[in-house]
Protein backbone atom coordinates (compact mmCIF):
# COMPACT_ATOMS: atom_id res chain seq x y z
CA UNK A 1 13.12 -23.06 -7.90
CA UNK A 2 11.91 -25.69 -10.39
CA UNK A 3 9.73 -24.36 -13.23
CA UNK A 4 8.53 -26.78 -15.91
CA UNK A 5 11.25 -29.28 -14.93
CA UNK A 6 13.89 -26.56 -15.22
CA UNK A 7 15.97 -25.19 -12.39
CA UNK A 8 15.75 -21.40 -12.36
CA UNK A 9 17.26 -18.81 -10.06
CA UNK A 10 14.84 -16.53 -8.27
CA UNK A 11 15.97 -13.36 -6.55
CA UNK A 12 13.65 -11.13 -4.57
CA UNK A 13 14.68 -7.54 -3.91
CA UNK A 14 12.43 -5.90 -1.33
CA UNK A 15 12.94 -2.15 -1.48
CA UNK A 16 9.72 -1.47 0.48
CA UNK A 17 8.92 1.34 -1.97
CA UNK A 18 11.56 3.54 -0.44
CA UNK A 19 12.84 6.38 -2.59
CA UNK A 20 16.43 5.85 -1.43
CA UNK A 21 16.55 2.59 -3.42
CA UNK A 22 15.50 4.17 -6.73
CA UNK A 23 19.08 4.95 -7.70
CA UNK A 24 19.92 1.25 -7.40
CA UNK A 25 17.22 0.28 -9.89
CA UNK A 26 19.47 -0.29 -12.88
CA UNK A 27 21.76 -2.63 -10.95
CA UNK A 28 18.88 -4.63 -9.48
CA UNK A 29 16.39 -4.66 -12.34
CA UNK A 30 18.51 -5.32 -15.45
CA UNK A 31 18.07 -8.85 -16.72
CA UNK A 32 14.87 -9.45 -14.75
CA UNK A 33 12.35 -11.85 -16.28
CA UNK A 34 9.40 -10.63 -14.22
CA UNK A 35 8.53 -7.93 -11.69
CA UNK A 36 6.33 -8.31 -8.62
CA UNK A 37 4.66 -5.12 -7.42
CA UNK A 38 3.15 -5.20 -3.92
CA UNK A 39 0.62 -2.79 -2.49
CA UNK A 40 -0.94 -2.43 0.97
CA UNK A 41 -4.68 -3.20 0.85
CA UNK A 42 -5.20 -0.88 3.84
CA UNK A 43 -3.63 2.11 2.05
CA UNK A 44 -5.36 3.09 -1.22
CA UNK A 45 -2.50 5.40 -2.21
CA UNK A 46 -0.17 2.40 -2.52
CA UNK A 47 -2.52 0.84 -5.08
CA UNK A 48 -2.74 4.11 -6.98
CA UNK A 49 1.06 4.34 -7.16
CA UNK A 50 1.47 0.91 -8.82
CA UNK A 51 1.45 2.39 -12.31
CA UNK A 52 4.26 4.81 -11.50
CA UNK A 53 6.32 1.98 -9.95
CA UNK A 54 5.67 -0.10 -13.09
CA UNK A 55 6.80 2.76 -15.32
CA UNK A 56 9.90 3.37 -13.20
CA UNK A 57 10.79 -0.32 -13.36
CA UNK A 58 10.49 -0.34 -17.16
CA UNK A 59 12.72 2.73 -17.42
CA UNK A 60 15.37 1.23 -15.14
CA UNK A 61 15.22 -2.35 -16.47
CA UNK A 62 14.98 -1.48 -20.18
CA UNK A 63 13.47 -4.83 -21.22
CA UNK A 64 13.54 -5.72 -24.92
CA UNK A 65 9.74 -5.70 -25.16
CA UNK A 66 8.30 -3.47 -22.42
CA UNK A 67 4.72 -3.89 -23.68
CA UNK A 68 4.74 -7.62 -22.98
CA UNK A 69 7.01 -7.68 -19.92
CA UNK A 70 5.30 -9.73 -17.18
CA UNK A 71 4.23 -8.09 -13.93
CA UNK A 72 2.57 -9.66 -10.92
CA UNK A 73 0.51 -7.49 -8.56
CA UNK A 74 0.11 -8.66 -4.96
CA UNK A 75 -1.97 -7.10 -2.21
CA UNK A 76 -0.57 -7.56 1.27
CA UNK A 77 -2.09 -7.11 4.75
CA UNK A 78 -5.28 -8.91 3.70
CA UNK A 79 -5.40 -10.40 7.19
CA UNK A 80 -6.20 -7.01 8.73
CA UNK A 81 -9.78 -5.95 9.44
CA UNK A 82 -9.56 -2.43 8.00
CA UNK A 83 -9.02 -3.45 4.38
CA UNK A 84 -10.03 -0.68 2.00
CA UNK A 85 -8.74 -1.56 -1.46
């Protein structure tokens, strides 16, 4: 991916919020430059759990400056009629 005329590598790890992937966090998250958290707009509990996923990521990734580490929050399933969040 080109960013500001620079070629950067982008890797996306989709763990679908499954607990069985939590133990792999250190291997996947270390060295990350950003984290994308996705919630389901039809399931309010997924939005409410974003903070705990953020905290878990910061524990596993151990970034140098956790307070300024960039996160992106995306809501999916916006095409469905029964959106609630």
